[in-house]
Amino acid sequence: MPSEKHVAVCNFPLSSHPRTVAKLVCKLAATAPNVRFSFLSTAKSNDSVFPPPSRAALLPSNLGVYDVGDGLPAGYDKVASNPRVEADLFFRAAPVNFLAGVEIAERDAGSKVSLLLSDGLVSLVACELAEKMHVPWVAFWTGAPYALSVHVHADLILQLRQNAANEEKTLDMIPGLSVMRMTDLPDELVKAQDMSMISRMFRELGNVIPRAAAVVMNSFAEMYPEPLTAGLKSKFNILLYLGLRPSPPALDKTGCLTWLDSQGPQTVVYISFGSGTLTNLTPDEIMALAEALESTRTPFLWSLNDQLKARCLPVGFEERTSAHGRIVPWAPQTEVLSHPACGAFVMQCGHNSVFESIAGGVPMICRPVAADQMLTARSVEEVWGIGIGVEGRVVTKSGMVKALEVVLRSEEGKEMRKKVGEFRKRLLVAAGPEGRAEADFKTLVELISTL
């Protein structure tokens, strides 16, 4: 017999978004077995998150996975892909493709969709689709609260930015953002002359997302300043914080953890800039980072894909550093950061990676690359004091040598490690049974079951 409630999930298919949204949906499906969930994303994204060979065995019976078009034209060269181009094409085709996916999901389930749940980045599309279908809509913001506040106040920021001669001007006119600066804002938001669809989505997101029945944050309210939370709460019908717990332990396919077992406590620097090409360092920066590691003989574990390794590393680097370093195409990040040997994390300041580093008690060396990573880096460095940025926000050999010295071998680094340990304790409480996240998750389940 068809479920009374049917939730369609509209996902943004790039970067870490699919896995984060899927984690929430799987938890909801397990908690609300009488609700049908239909997960809509591109075939490539779905195959990555729910591998076809094990999909049927792993998914709850009330969760279906549906492929929607990616918007790419016939003959598109996916080998030489450009994530920004792919995102733009996806957004252009998303209204038609998501609607088609919903119709297929409804036929399979034998019931009409009663609610839309969307990744926050596709809010404009989801809002229009919900209005067309006459159903409520819940937005899931996978990034940091700072970034969402920036979007909500985008019109004010753009107005002030036009009159601001100083890019270092702080955003103290926005509750909870007094430390953030104009220079930290995402390019897609502030470059008004950019007429791409992805930039339009960024600029209009803040005007659309307050129309959602509820906004769900992938973060913990206890980790952020009260003025920020209060400011966001005033903009939305319902605001929920339910930071997702780390994923279950991953298989150590590359032997990283065994190698870390042979290293001294808090001596290894772990390096990862995510899996997407949007967050890669430039070839010159990869070269400079390698030179800094080699010259300082710092033990390292570097997650770097084979293509970049072959193209960007100094000739003979891997052989010369084999006694104290290791390069792998993939690492079980949560487990690496929780290992006693891990002493620092060189990273792009993605929201999920920052919280995995805090959960592991590891201070960070920040080189933000794209989107809201500048805002997150500012929080790590100046709000929380648990990391340091590279000089000039560009990796150079001398700048990285200094950063490694500070975090791994100085009194300042010891203080960062002490602070991140304190934040780790706070995070464990926030994620525990008495934290707000647990209560807010129950509220979300109730909303989905009754809206």
Protein backbone atom coordinates (compact mmCIF):
# COMPACT_ATOMS: atom_id res chain seq x y z
CA MET A 1 0.00 0.00 0.00
CA PRO A 2 1.53 3.41 -0.95
CA SER A 3 2.87 5.64 1.83
CA GLU A 4 0.72 8.59 2.78
CA LYS A 5 3.74 10.90 2.79
CA HIS A 6 6.18 11.13 -0.11
CA VAL A 7 9.28 13.35 0.06
CA ALA A 8 11.22 14.19 -3.11
CA VAL A 9 14.84 15.21 -2.51
CA CYS A 10 16.39 17.62 -5.04
CA ASN A 11 20.17 17.44 -4.86
CA PHE A 12 23.11 19.51 -6.14
CA PRO A 13 25.33 16.88 -7.79
CA LEU A 14 28.85 18.32 -7.40
CA SER A 15 31.52 18.52 -4.71
CA SER A 16 30.65 17.00 -1.29
CA HIS A 17 26.96 17.94 -1.51
CA PRO A 18 25.53 14.57 -2.68
CA ARG A 19 27.08 12.59 0.17
CA THR A 20 26.03 15.11 2.81
CA VAL A 21 22.43 15.25 1.58
CA ALA A 22 22.33 11.46 1.19
CA LYS A 23 23.51 11.02 4.77
CA LEU A 24 20.60 13.12 6.03
CA VAL A 25 18.06 11.36 3.80
CA CYS A 26 19.21 7.87 4.84
CA LYS A 27 18.90 8.88 8.49
CA LEU A 28 15.42 10.28 7.89
CA ALA A 29 14.32 7.17 5.99
CA ALA A 30 15.50 4.93 8.81
CA THR A 31 13.71 7.06 11.42
CA ALA A 32 10.46 7.57 9.47
CA PRO A 33 9.72 4.19 7.83
CA ASN A 34 6.16 5.23 6.91
CA VAL A 35 7.42 8.06 4.70
CA ARG A 36 8.56 7.40 1.13
CA PHE A 37 11.77 9.23 0.04
CA SER A 38 12.81 9.72 -3.59
CA PHE A 39 16.42 10.92 -4.03
CA LEU A 40 16.90 12.88 -7.28
CA SER A 41 20.37 13.60 -8.66
CA THR A 42 22.44 13.01 -11.78
CA ALA A 43 23.48 9.47 -12.72
CA LYS A 44 27.14 10.21 -12.03
CA SER A 45 26.33 11.61 -8.59
CA ASN A 46 23.99 8.76 -7.68
CA ASP A 47 26.48 6.10 -8.79
CA SER A 48 29.12 7.72 -6.58
CA VAL A 49 26.93 7.92 -3.47
CA PHE A 50 24.90 4.73 -3.98
CA PRO A 51 27.08 2.32 -6.03
CA PRO A 52 24.73 0.25 -8.25
CA PRO A 53 26.14 -3.20 -7.30
CA SER A 54 25.26 -2.71 -3.61
CA ARG A 55 22.45 -0.15 -3.93
CA ALA A 56 19.50 -2.48 -3.47
CA ALA A 57 21.06 -4.20 -0.46
CA LEU A 58 22.11 -1.02 1.33
CA LEU A 59 19.11 1.26 0.84
CA PRO A 60 16.10 1.24 3.18
CA SER A 61 12.96 -0.08 1.49
CA ASN A 62 11.34 3.39 1.68
CA LEU A 63 14.18 5.15 -0.18
CA GLY A 64 14.35 5.20 -3.98
CA VAL A 65 17.13 6.68 -6.12
CA TYR A 66 16.31 8.40 -9.43
CA ASP A 67 18.63 9.77 -12.10
CA VAL A 68 17.88 13.20 -13.56
CA GLY A 69 19.54 14.88 -16.53
CA ASP A 70 22.84 16.67 -15.96
CA GLY A 71 22.23 19.33 -18.63
CA LEU A 72 25.40 18.43 -20.53
CA PRO A 73 25.09 18.54 -24.31
CA ALA A 74 25.71 15.48 -26.47
CA GLY A 75 29.43 15.04 -27.08
CA TYR A 76 30.47 16.99 -23.98
CA ASP A 77 34.07 16.10 -23.12
CA LYS A 78 33.81 14.78 -19.57
CA VAL A 79 37.51 13.98 -19.47
CA ALA A 80 38.39 17.67 -19.81
CA SER A 81 35.43 18.71 -17.65
CA ASN A 82 35.08 22.12 -16.04
CA PRO A 83 33.02 21.99 -12.80
CA ARG A 84 31.86 25.60 -13.18
CA VAL A 85 30.60 24.92 -16.69
CA GLU A 86 28.93 21.70 -15.53
CA ALA A 87 27.24 23.50 -12.62
CA ASP A 88 25.99 26.23 -14.93
CA LEU A 89 24.55 23.73 -17.42
CA PHE A 90 23.00 21.70 -14.61
CA PHE A 91 21.20 24.76 -13.20
CA ARG A 92 19.89 25.77 -16.62
CA ALA A 93 18.28 22.37 -17.17
CA ALA A 94 17.35 21.66 -13.53
CA PRO A 95 13.71 22.94 -13.51
CA VAL A 96 12.68 20.60 -16.35
CA ASN A 97 14.87 17.69 -15.22
CA PHE A 98 13.77 17.73 -11.57
CA LEU A 99 10.10 17.91 -12.58
CA ALA A 100 10.57 14.91 -14.88
CA GLY A 101 12.31 13.03 -12.06
CA VAL A 102 9.47 13.79 -9.65
CA GLU A 103 6.90 12.46 -12.12
CA ILE A 104 8.81 9.18 -12.48
CA ALA A 105 9.17 8.86 -8.70
CA GLU A 106 5.45 9.45 -8.23
CA ARG A 107 4.57 6.74 -10.77
CA ASP A 108 6.92 4.26 -9.06
CA ALA A 109 5.66 5.04 -5.57
CA GLY A 110 2.01 5.21 -6.55
CA SER A 111 1.67 8.39 -4.52
CA LYS A 112 2.01 12.11 -5.12
CA VAL A 113 4.95 13.99 -3.62
CA SER A 114 3.76 15.78 -0.47
CA LEU A 115 6.96 17.68 0.35
CA LEU A 116 10.22 18.76 -1.32
CA LEU A 117 13.54 18.59 0.51
CA SER A 118 16.37 20.29 -1.35
CA ASP A 119 20.04 21.09 -1.09
CA GLY A 120 20.20 24.78 -0.24
CA LEU A 121 22.14 25.58 -3.42
CA VAL A 122 19.17 24.58 -5.58
CA SER A 123 16.73 26.71 -3.56
CA LEU A 124 15.62 28.81 -6.52
CA VAL A 125 14.69 25.70 -8.54
CA ALA A 126 13.15 23.91 -5.55
CA CYS A 127 11.04 26.92 -4.55
CA GLU A 128 9.60 27.27 -8.07
CA LEU A 129 8.95 23.51 -8.28
CA ALA A 130 7.23 23.43 -4.85
CA GLU A 131 4.98 26.32 -5.84
CA LYS A 132 4.08 24.62 -9.12
CA MET A 133 3.27 21.37 -7.26
CA HIS A 134 1.50 23.16 -4.36
CA VAL A 135 3.60 21.39 -1.72
CA PRO A 136 5.77 22.69 1.15
CA TRP A 137 9.53 22.84 0.78
CA VAL A 138 12.39 22.37 3.27
CA ALA A 139 15.92 23.59 2.44
CA PHE A 140 19.03 21.82 3.75
CA TRP A 141 22.06 24.12 3.99
CA THR A 142 25.17 21.92 3.80
CA GLY A 143 27.70 24.74 4.33
CA ALA A 144 28.57 27.06 7.18
CA PRO A 145 26.02 29.41 8.80
CA TYR A 146 28.27 32.37 7.95
CA ALA A 147 27.81 31.70 4.24
CA LEU A 148 24.03 31.45 4.54
CA SER A 149 23.92 34.76 6.42
CA VAL A 150 25.95 36.37 3.63
CA HIS A 151 23.43 35.12 1.05
CA VAL A 152 20.45 36.35 3.07
CA HIS A 153 22.04 39.81 3.30
CA ALA A 154 23.38 39.80 -0.28
CA ASP A 155 21.47 42.90 -1.39
CA LEU A 156 22.85 44.93 1.53
CA ILE A 157 26.38 43.60 0.98
CA LEU A 158 26.37 44.40 -2.74
CA GLN A 159 25.13 47.91 -1.99
CA LEU A 160 27.82 48.51 0.62
CA ARG A 161 30.50 46.92 -1.53
CA GLN A 162 29.87 49.40 -4.32
CA ASN A 163 30.62 52.22 -1.89
CA ALA A 164 33.50 50.53 -0.07
CA ALA A 165 36.99 51.46 -1.18
CA ASN A 166 38.58 49.00 1.26
CA GLU A 167 38.22 45.27 0.54
CA GLU A 168 39.30 44.61 4.14
CA LYS A 169 36.19 46.38 5.48
CA THR A 170 34.44 44.15 8.00
CA LEU A 171 30.83 42.99 7.72
CA ASP A 172 29.88 44.32 11.15
CA MET A 173 26.52 45.51 9.82
CA ILE A 174 25.38 41.85 9.77
CA PRO A 175 24.70 40.04 13.09
CA GLY A 176 27.54 37.67 13.96
CA LEU A 177 29.75 38.62 10.99
CA SER A 178 31.85 41.38 12.53
CA VAL A 179 35.08 39.42 11.95
CA MET A 180 34.33 38.67 8.28
CA ARG A 181 35.55 41.01 5.55
CA MET A 182 34.49 42.07 2.09
CA THR A 183 37.44 40.18 0.65
CA ASP A 184 36.06 36.93 2.15
CA LEU A 185 32.90 36.98 0.03
CA PRO A 186 32.39 34.32 -2.68
CA ASP A 187 33.17 35.59 -6.19
CA GLU A 188 29.93 34.12 -7.52
CA LEU A 189 27.99 36.39 -5.15
CA VAL A 190 29.77 39.71 -5.58
CA LYS A 191 30.68 39.72 -9.27
CA ALA A 192 27.43 41.24 -10.53
CA GLN A 193 28.73 41.38 -14.10
CA ASP A 194 28.95 37.57 -14.17
CA MET A 195 25.69 36.53 -15.86
CA SER A 196 26.21 32.75 -15.56
CA MET A 197 23.33 30.72 -14.18
CA ILE A 198 25.37 29.64 -11.14
CA SER A 199 26.04 33.29 -10.25
CA ARG A 200 22.35 34.09 -10.63
CA MET A 201 21.57 31.23 -8.24
CA PHE A 202 24.06 32.59 -5.72
CA ARG A 203 22.70 36.12 -5.93
CA GLU A 204 19.01 35.17 -5.68
CA LEU A 205 19.36 32.37 -3.12
CA GLY A 206 19.08 34.73 -0.15
CA ASN A 207 15.79 36.18 -1.39
CA VAL A 208 14.26 32.75 -2.02
CA ILE A 209 15.34 30.54 0.90
CA PRO A 210 13.31 32.47 3.55
CA ARG A 211 10.20 31.20 1.71
CA ALA A 212 10.99 27.62 2.75
CA ALA A 213 8.77 26.02 5.39
CA ALA A 214 11.98 25.28 7.31
CA VAL A 215 15.73 25.70 6.86
CA VAL A 216 17.95 22.91 8.17
CA MET A 217 21.63 23.59 8.94
CA ASN A 218 24.36 20.95 8.69
CA SER A 219 26.09 22.46 11.73
CA PHE A 220 25.83 22.79 15.48
CA ALA A 221 24.36 25.95 17.00
CA GLU A 222 26.67 25.55 20.01
CA MET A 223 29.73 26.17 17.80
CA TYR A 224 28.71 29.62 16.54
CA PRO A 225 28.16 33.10 18.06
CA GLU A 226 24.64 33.68 19.38
CA PRO A 227 24.15 36.88 17.30
CA LEU A 228 24.70 34.84 14.12
CA THR A 229 22.14 32.21 15.11
CA ALA A 230 19.63 34.83 16.28
CA GLY A 231 20.08 36.83 13.07
CA LEU A 232 19.40 33.78 10.91
CA LYS A 233 16.47 32.67 13.06
CA SER A 234 14.79 36.03 12.48
CA LYS A 235 14.85 35.44 8.70
CA PHE A 236 13.26 31.97 8.52
CA ASN A 237 9.96 30.34 9.44
CA ILE A 238 11.76 27.52 11.26
CA LEU A 239 15.53 27.14 11.72
CA LEU A 240 16.95 23.75 12.73
CA TYR A 241 20.55 22.77 13.51
CA LEU A 242 21.37 19.09 13.12
CA GLY A 243 25.04 18.70 12.32
CA LEU A 244 25.51 15.19 11.00
CA ARG A 245 27.84 12.87 12.88
CA PRO A 246 30.98 11.58 11.08
CA SER A 247 30.51 8.71 8.66
CA PRO A 248 31.10 5.13 9.84
CA PRO A 249 34.74 3.97 9.60
CA ALA A 250 35.87 3.60 5.97
CA LEU A 251 37.99 0.80 4.59
CA ASP A 252 41.71 1.64 4.58
CA LYS A 253 42.19 0.83 0.89
CA THR A 254 45.62 2.45 0.64
CA GLY A 255 47.17 1.38 3.95
CA CYS A 256 47.24 4.95 5.33
CA LEU A 257 46.37 3.99 8.89
CA THR A 258 48.97 1.22 9.01
CA TRP A 259 51.59 3.71 7.82
CA LEU A 260 50.48 6.26 10.43
CA ASP A 261 50.94 3.62 13.13
CA SER A 262 54.68 3.80 12.46
CA GLN A 263 54.87 7.60 12.96
CA GLY A 264 55.40 9.60 16.13
CA PRO A 265 52.51 11.33 17.98
CA GLN A 266 51.30 14.58 16.35
CA THR A 267 54.18 14.63 13.85
CA VAL A 268 52.41 14.00 10.53
CA VAL A 269 50.82 16.72 8.42
CA TYR A 270 47.82 15.46 6.48
CA ILE A 271 47.14 17.24 3.17
CA SER A 272 43.89 17.11 1.25
CA PHE A 273 42.05 19.63 -0.88
CA GLY A 274 39.00 17.49 -1.56
CA SER A 275 38.12 15.44 -4.59
CA GLY A 276 36.72 18.16 -6.86
CA THR A 277 38.82 20.14 -9.32
CA LEU A 278 37.19 23.32 -8.07
CA THR A 279 39.16 23.00 -4.84
CA ASN A 280 42.55 22.02 -6.22
CA LEU A 281 45.66 24.11 -5.70
CA THR A 282 47.33 25.56 -8.78
CA PRO A 283 50.27 23.55 -10.20
CA ASP A 284 52.70 26.16 -8.86
CA GLU A 285 51.22 25.84 -5.38
CA ILE A 286 51.42 22.04 -5.44
CA MET A 287 55.07 22.38 -6.43
CA ALA A 288 55.74 24.89 -3.63
CA LEU A 289 54.02 22.71 -1.03
CA ALA A 290 56.10 19.71 -2.08
CA GLU A 291 59.30 21.74 -1.86
CA ALA A 292 58.40 22.94 1.65
CA LEU A 293 57.71 19.39 2.81
CA GLU A 294 60.97 18.12 1.35
CA SER A 295 63.15 20.91 2.71
CA THR A 296 61.76 20.60 6.25
CA ARG A 297 61.64 16.79 6.17
CA THR A 298 58.16 17.01 7.69
CA PRO A 299 56.39 13.63 7.83
CA PHE A 300 53.33 13.87 5.57
CA LEU A 301 50.35 11.97 4.22
CA TRP A 302 49.09 13.60 1.02
CA SER A 303 45.81 12.71 -0.68
CA LEU A 304 46.52 13.68 -4.30
CA ASN A 305 45.04 12.18 -7.46
CA ASP A 306 47.37 10.46 -9.93
CA GLN A 307 46.88 13.05 -12.66
CA LEU A 308 48.02 15.96 -10.47
CA LYS A 309 50.80 13.87 -8.96
CA ALA A 310 52.26 13.13 -12.40
CA ARG A 311 51.83 16.68 -13.69
CA CYS A 312 52.70 18.94 -10.76
CA LEU A 313 55.16 17.34 -8.34
CA PRO A 314 58.93 17.95 -8.62
CA VAL A 315 60.75 15.21 -10.51
CA GLY A 316 61.82 12.50 -8.06
CA PHE A 317 59.94 14.03 -5.13
CA GLU A 318 58.12 10.84 -4.15
CA GLU A 319 61.31 8.78 -4.18
CA ARG A 320 63.31 11.34 -2.19
CA THR A 321 60.65 11.66 0.52
CA SER A 322 59.61 8.00 0.72
CA ALA A 323 61.29 7.59 4.13
CA HIS A 324 59.01 10.12 5.82
CA GLY A 325 56.09 10.78 3.48
CA ARG A 326 53.36 9.03 1.57
CA ILE A 327 51.12 10.07 -1.35
CA VAL A 328 47.82 8.27 -1.94
CA PRO A 329 44.92 8.91 -4.37
CA TRP A 330 42.41 8.66 -1.52
CA ALA A 331 42.46 8.49 2.27
CA PRO A 332 39.85 7.64 4.93
CA GLN A 333 39.88 11.23 6.16
CA THR A 334 37.89 10.87 9.38
CA GLU A 335 40.11 8.03 10.57
CA VAL A 336 43.33 9.82 9.52
CA LEU A 337 42.38 12.96 11.45
CA SER A 338 41.52 10.88 14.52
CA HIS A 339 44.87 9.06 14.45
CA PRO A 340 47.36 10.02 17.24
CA ALA A 341 50.11 10.64 14.65
CA CYS A 342 48.19 13.41 12.87
CA GLY A 343 49.53 16.81 13.96
CA ALA A 344 48.15 19.24 11.36
CA PHE A 345 45.75 19.37 8.42
CA VAL A 346 46.59 21.41 5.30
CA MET A 347 43.24 22.03 3.65
CA GLN A 348 40.90 24.25 1.65
CA CYS A 349 38.49 24.89 4.56
CA GLY A 350 35.49 23.01 3.30
CA HIS A 351 32.79 23.01 5.97
CA ASN A 352 32.70 19.22 6.47
CA SER A 353 36.49 18.92 6.54
CA VAL A 354 36.79 21.59 9.23
CA PHE A 355 34.42 19.72 11.52
CA GLU A 356 36.19 16.42 10.86
CA SER A 357 39.43 18.14 11.88
CA ILE A 358 37.84 19.49 15.06
CA ALA A 359 36.42 16.03 15.83
CA GLY A 360 39.97 14.66 15.52
CA GLY A 361 41.49 17.45 17.63
CA VAL A 362 43.79 18.57 14.78
CA PRO A 363 44.75 22.23 14.10
CA MET A 364 44.59 23.46 10.52
CA ILE A 365 46.69 25.26 7.90
CA CYS A 366 44.18 27.01 5.67
CA ARG A 367 44.37 27.76 1.97
CA PRO A 368 40.75 28.52 0.94
CA VAL A 369 40.13 28.08 -2.78
CA ALA A 370 36.50 28.71 -3.73
CA ALA A 371 32.90 29.49 -2.71
CA ASP A 372 32.45 30.05 1.04
CA GLN A 373 35.85 28.70 2.07
CA MET A 374 37.26 32.17 2.81
CA LEU A 375 34.51 32.74 5.37
CA THR A 376 35.17 29.36 6.98
CA ALA A 377 38.92 29.99 7.03
CA ARG A 378 38.37 33.33 8.78
CA SER A 379 36.32 31.52 11.41
CA VAL A 380 39.03 28.87 11.93
CA GLU A 381 41.79 31.46 12.24
CA GLU A 382 40.22 34.44 14.01
CA VAL A 383 36.96 33.32 15.64
CA TRP A 384 38.05 29.95 16.98
CA GLY A 385 41.85 30.35 16.90
CA ILE A 386 42.44 26.72 15.88
CA GLY A 387 44.39 27.23 12.69
CA ILE A 388 46.59 29.52 10.62
CA GLY A 389 46.31 30.79 7.05
CA VAL A 390 49.10 30.64 4.50
CA GLU A 391 50.67 34.03 3.75
CA GLY A 392 48.71 35.99 1.17
CA ARG A 393 46.25 33.10 0.75
CA VAL A 394 48.65 31.54 -1.79
CA VAL A 395 50.95 28.59 -1.08
CA THR A 396 54.64 29.45 -1.47
CA LYS A 397 57.60 27.42 -0.27
CA SER A 398 58.66 30.00 2.32
CA GLY A 399 55.09 30.63 3.50
CA MET A 400 54.39 26.93 3.95
CA VAL A 401 57.69 26.39 5.79
CA LYS A 402 56.62 29.10 8.27
CA ALA A 403 53.12 27.66 8.64
CA LEU A 404 54.45 24.15 9.32
CA GLU A 405 56.84 25.53 11.90
CA VAL A 406 54.09 27.44 13.68
CA VAL A 407 51.52 24.65 13.85
CA LEU A 408 53.80 21.66 14.46
CA ARG A 409 56.70 23.06 16.42
CA SER A 410 55.89 26.35 18.19
CA GLU A 411 54.16 27.50 21.38
CA GLU A 412 51.49 29.11 19.21
CA GLY A 413 50.83 25.72 17.66
CA LYS A 414 50.51 24.13 21.11
CA GLU A 415 47.92 26.75 22.01
CA MET A 416 45.99 25.99 18.80
CA ARG A 417 46.05 22.29 19.65
CA LYS A 418 44.78 23.05 23.15
CA LYS A 419 41.93 25.17 21.76
CA VAL A 420 40.93 22.63 19.15
CA GLY A 421 40.81 20.04 21.93
CA GLU A 422 38.40 22.27 23.83
CA PHE A 423 36.26 22.70 20.73
CA ARG A 424 36.31 18.94 20.23
CA LYS A 425 34.79 18.49 23.69
CA ARG A 426 32.15 21.10 22.85
CA LEU A 427 31.41 19.34 19.57
CA LEU A 428 30.98 15.98 21.29
CA VAL A 429 28.43 17.51 23.67
CA ALA A 430 26.65 19.29 20.80
CA ALA A 431 26.42 16.04 18.82
CA GLY A 432 25.38 14.00 21.85
CA PRO A 433 21.93 13.01 23.11
CA GLU A 434 21.58 16.23 25.13
CA GLY A 435 22.65 18.56 22.30
CA ARG A 436 20.31 20.69 20.27
CA ALA A 437 20.98 18.63 17.14
CA GLU A 438 19.13 15.61 18.48
CA ALA A 439 16.06 17.64 19.44
CA ASP A 440 16.08 19.49 16.11
CA PHE A 441 16.30 16.22 14.18
CA LYS A 442 13.18 14.96 15.95
CA THR A 443 11.47 18.23 15.02
CA LEU A 444 12.44 17.71 11.36
CA VAL A 445 11.03 14.16 11.36
CA GLU A 446 7.80 15.50 12.82
CA LEU A 447 7.64 18.24 10.19
CA ILE A 448 8.17 15.80 7.34
CA SER A 449 5.53 13.49 8.75
CA THR A 450 2.89 16.19 9.25
CA LEU A 451 3.42 19.01 6.73
